[in-house]
Structures are given as C-alpha cells and as structure tokens.
Amino acid sequence: MEGTTEKGRRRAGGPRDARPGGELRARAARPASGHGHGRALDGSIYPLLNRLQKEGKIRGRWVEDPEATHPRKYYALTAAGRALLSEMLAEWAQFESGMRQILGEEVGREQE
C-alpha cells in the first residue's frame, strides 16, 4: 500500500507528490521538527534544491557568515521558477475553488 511500510505502518510523509515542488509543499505542510539540519533535511530538501537548481528553477549562491563556521547557501527563484510558481498557484486556486463548491453543496444538504 502506498504511503505505508511493509509492516503496515504509515511512512513519514505518506505518498510522494511527483509534481514539481511537491516535496517542498509536503514538507511545508508538516510541523517543523526543531532539529535544524537533521537527517530528514539531508535526505529530502537538499537533493530537491539541487534538482530545482539543475532544472533552472532556482539559483543558489554561497554567502560567508562571520558568525558561522561555514558559508551558507541562499536560493532565489529564477524567471522559470517564478513562471512555475505562478502556474502552480493558478492550479491550486482552481482546485480550491472546486473543493469549496463541492463542500458548499454538501454543507447545504446537511442543513436541510
């Protein structure tokens, strides 16, 4: 079964969202663990950022941080990334509108 382990327990994160940015949306929807750069981030965020950078959706740059022991990498959307974000937001708005219509009809039936 998708989203579970072979022992039937739910896998952290559940089924993966294969759309661009799906992994980021899934991670953003979950509460932060408070562990900073723990194993979970190393296993999902950084490979995703690398992939988005290779696809030209984001651009990364290293910045020296005098208060840290190492430089930090900051990311920004490129024009292609902004276009993708705009497309994804439009898809979400359409989905949300449809869900509101469906749920509004269901709520109306329950009140009758």
C-alpha atoms as a PDB file:
ATOM      1  CA  MET A   1       0.000   0.000   0.000  1.00  0.00           C
ATOM      2  CA  GLU A   2       1.348   3.412  -0.959  1.00  0.00           C
ATOM      3  CA  GLY A   3       2.415   5.548   1.996  1.00  0.00           C
ATOM      4  CA  THR A   4       2.983   2.612   4.342  1.00  0.00           C
ATOM      5  CA  THR A   5       5.885   0.345   5.238  1.00  0.00           C
ATOM      6  CA  GLU A   6       5.862  -3.407   4.600  1.00  0.00           C
ATOM      7  CA  LYS A   7       4.641  -3.848   8.219  1.00  0.00           C
ATOM      8  CA  GLY A   8       1.631  -1.641   7.504  1.00  0.00           C
ATOM      9  CA  ARG A   9       2.806   1.398   9.469  1.00  0.00           C
ATOM     10  CA  ARG A  10       2.393   4.812   7.898  1.00  0.00           C
ATOM     11  CA  ARG A  11       5.606   6.118   6.388  1.00  0.00           C
ATOM     12  CA  ALA A  12       6.627   9.614   7.459  1.00  0.00           C
ATOM     13  CA  GLY A  13       5.355  11.983   4.796  1.00  0.00           C
ATOM     14  CA  GLY A  14       2.979   9.460   3.203  1.00  0.00           C
ATOM     15  CA  PRO A  15       2.754   9.156  -0.580  1.00  0.00           C
ATOM     16  CA  ARG A  16       5.112  11.386  -2.535  1.00  0.00           C
ATOM     17  CA  ASP A  17       3.817  14.238  -4.663  1.00  0.00           C
ATOM     18  CA  ALA A  18       5.575  13.860  -8.030  1.00  0.00           C
ATOM     19  CA  ARG A  19       4.712  17.362  -9.272  1.00  0.00           C
ATOM     20  CA  PRO A  20       7.480  19.979  -9.260  1.00  0.00           C
ATOM     21  CA  GLY A  21       7.731  21.425  -5.787  1.00  0.00           C
ATOM     22  CA  GLY A  22       5.568  18.659  -4.334  1.00  0.00           C
ATOM     23  CA  GLU A  23       8.205  17.629  -1.857  1.00  0.00           C
ATOM     24  CA  LEU A  24       8.567  21.200  -0.634  1.00  0.00           C
ATOM     25  CA  ARG A  25       4.788  21.579  -0.313  1.00  0.00           C
ATOM     26  CA  ALA A  26       4.613  18.343   1.676  1.00  0.00           C
ATOM     27  CA  ARG A  27       7.446  19.375   3.984  1.00  0.00           C
ATOM     28  CA  ALA A  28       5.966  22.863   4.453  1.00  0.00           C
ATOM     29  CA  ALA A  29       2.621  21.335   5.447  1.00  0.00           C
ATOM     30  CA  ARG A  30       4.229  19.333   8.274  1.00  0.00           C
ATOM     31  CA  PRO A  31       5.267  20.957  11.542  1.00  0.00           C
ATOM     32  CA  ALA A  32       8.973  21.715  11.885  1.00  0.00           C
ATOM     33  CA  SER A  33      10.919  19.239  13.989  1.00  0.00           C
ATOM     34  CA  GLY A  34      13.144  21.871  15.572  1.00  0.00           C
ATOM     35  CA  HIS A  35      16.229  19.827  14.788  1.00  0.00           C
ATOM     36  CA  GLY A  36      17.661  22.211  12.184  1.00  0.00           C
ATOM     37  CA  HIS A  37      19.819  20.390   9.661  1.00  0.00           C
ATOM     38  CA  GLY A  38      18.943  16.873  10.800  1.00  0.00           C
ATOM     39  CA  ARG A  39      18.822  13.700   8.803  1.00  0.00           C
ATOM     40  CA  ALA A  40      15.338  14.425   7.392  1.00  0.00           C
ATOM     41  CA  LEU A  41      16.550  17.609   5.719  1.00  0.00           C
ATOM     42  CA  ASP A  42      19.662  15.967   4.336  1.00  0.00           C
ATOM     43  CA  GLY A  43      17.510  13.258   2.779  1.00  0.00           C
ATOM     44  CA  SER A  44      14.909  15.402   1.066  1.00  0.00           C
ATOM     45  CA  ILE A  45      15.406  19.165   0.964  1.00  0.00           C
ATOM     46  CA  TYR A  46      18.953  19.371  -0.346  1.00  0.00           C
ATOM     47  CA  PRO A  47      18.518  16.855  -3.186  1.00  0.00           C
ATOM     48  CA  LEU A  48      15.324  18.695  -4.135  1.00  0.00           C
ATOM     49  CA  LEU A  49      17.102  22.066  -4.111  1.00  0.00           C
ATOM     50  CA  ASN A  50      19.905  20.605  -6.242  1.00  0.00           C
ATOM     51  CA  ARG A  51      17.378  19.223  -8.730  1.00  0.00           C
ATOM     52  CA  LEU A  52      15.489  22.532  -8.945  1.00  0.00           C
ATOM     53  CA  GLN A  53      18.792  24.331  -9.479  1.00  0.00           C
ATOM     54  CA  LYS A  54      19.798  21.942 -12.290  1.00  0.00           C
ATOM     55  CA  GLU A  55      16.370  22.489 -13.880  1.00  0.00           C
ATOM     56  CA  GLY A  56      16.943  26.257 -13.762  1.00  0.00           C
ATOM     57  CA  LYS A  57      14.016  26.950 -11.420  1.00  0.00           C
ATOM     58  CA  ILE A  58      16.193  28.358  -8.627  1.00  0.00           C
ATOM     59  CA  ARG A  59      19.651  29.882  -8.338  1.00  0.00           C
ATOM     60  CA  GLY A  60      21.874  29.298  -5.343  1.00  0.00           C
ATOM     61  CA  ARG A  61      24.699  31.447  -4.018  1.00  0.00           C
ATOM     62  CA  TRP A  62      27.151  30.940  -1.181  1.00  0.00           C
ATOM     63  CA  VAL A  63      27.445  33.692   1.427  1.00  0.00           C
ATOM     64  CA  GLU A  64      30.172  33.917   4.049  1.00  0.00           C
ATOM     65  CA  ASP A  65      28.704  34.181   7.533  1.00  0.00           C
ATOM     66  CA  PRO A  66      31.156  35.643  10.070  1.00  0.00           C
ATOM     67  CA  GLU A  67      29.134  34.154  12.933  1.00  0.00           C
ATOM     68  CA  ALA A  68      29.122  30.610  11.488  1.00  0.00           C
ATOM     69  CA  THR A  69      31.897  28.105  10.945  1.00  0.00           C
ATOM     70  CA  HIS A  70      30.966  27.671   7.293  1.00  0.00           C
ATOM     71  CA  PRO A  71      29.377  29.644   4.448  1.00  0.00           C
ATOM     72  CA  ARG A  72      25.619  29.417   3.951  1.00  0.00           C
ATOM     73  CA  LYS A  73      23.826  28.824   0.672  1.00  0.00           C
ATOM     74  CA  TYR A  74      20.852  31.018  -0.202  1.00  0.00           C
ATOM     75  CA  TYR A  75      18.386  30.265  -3.004  1.00  0.00           C
ATOM     76  CA  ALA A  76      16.208  32.516  -5.169  1.00  0.00           C
ATOM     77  CA  LEU A  77      13.647  31.812  -7.859  1.00  0.00           C
ATOM     78  CA  THR A  78      14.689  32.349 -11.455  1.00  0.00           C
ATOM     79  CA  ALA A  79      12.270  33.590 -14.135  1.00  0.00           C
ATOM     80  CA  ALA A  80      11.484  29.941 -14.951  1.00  0.00           C
ATOM     81  CA  GLY A  81      10.902  29.271 -11.247  1.00  0.00           C
ATOM     82  CA  ARG A  82       8.560  32.247 -10.943  1.00  0.00           C
ATOM     83  CA  ALA A  83       6.637  31.024 -14.006  1.00  0.00           C
ATOM     84  CA  LEU A  84       6.324  27.548 -12.479  1.00  0.00           C
ATOM     85  CA  LEU A  85       5.193  29.024  -9.154  1.00  0.00           C
ATOM     86  CA  SER A  86       2.575  31.136 -10.932  1.00  0.00           C
ATOM     87  CA  GLU A  87       1.292  28.060 -12.787  1.00  0.00           C
ATOM     88  CA  MET A  88       1.166  26.022  -9.584  1.00  0.00           C
ATOM     89  CA  LEU A  89      -0.683  28.779  -7.707  1.00  0.00           C
ATOM     90  CA  ALA A  90      -3.250  29.008 -10.526  1.00  0.00           C
ATOM     91  CA  GLU A  91      -3.764  25.223 -10.393  1.00  0.00           C
ATOM     92  CA  TRP A  92      -4.188  25.402  -6.627  1.00  0.00           C
ATOM     93  CA  ALA A  93      -6.727  28.245  -6.902  1.00  0.00           C
ATOM     94  CA  GLN A  94      -8.745  26.188  -9.399  1.00  0.00           C
ATOM     95  CA  PHE A  95      -8.592  23.121  -7.134  1.00  0.00           C
ATOM     96  CA  GLU A  96      -9.556  25.163  -4.071  1.00  0.00           C
ATOM     97  CA  SER A  97     -12.487  26.737  -5.883  1.00  0.00           C
ATOM     98  CA  GLY A  98     -13.769  23.325  -6.949  1.00  0.00           C
ATOM     99  CA  MET A  99     -13.431  21.942  -3.423  1.00  0.00           C
ATOM    100  CA  ARG A 100     -15.264  24.922  -1.963  1.00  0.00           C
ATOM    101  CA  GLN A 101     -18.107  24.357  -4.430  1.00  0.00           C
ATOM    102  CA  ILE A 102     -18.305  20.658  -3.567  1.00  0.00           C
ATOM    103  CA  LEU A 103     -18.087  21.234   0.169  1.00  0.00           C
ATOM    104  CA  GLY A 104     -20.552  24.098  -0.005  1.00  0.00           C
ATOM    105  CA  GLU A 105     -23.088  21.832  -1.711  1.00  0.00           C
ATOM    106  CA  GLU A 106     -22.517  19.105   0.912  1.00  0.00           C
ATOM    107  CA  VAL A 107     -22.928  21.538   3.819  1.00  0.00           C
ATOM    108  CA  GLY A 108     -26.154  22.837   2.276  1.00  0.00           C
ATOM    109  CA  ARG A 109     -27.585  19.283   2.013  1.00  0.00           C
ATOM    110  CA  GLU A 110     -26.758  18.540   5.670  1.00  0.00           C
ATOM    111  CA  GLN A 111     -28.643  21.631   6.862  1.00  0.00           C
ATOM    112  CA  GLU A 112     -31.894  20.738   5.018  1.00  0.00           C
END
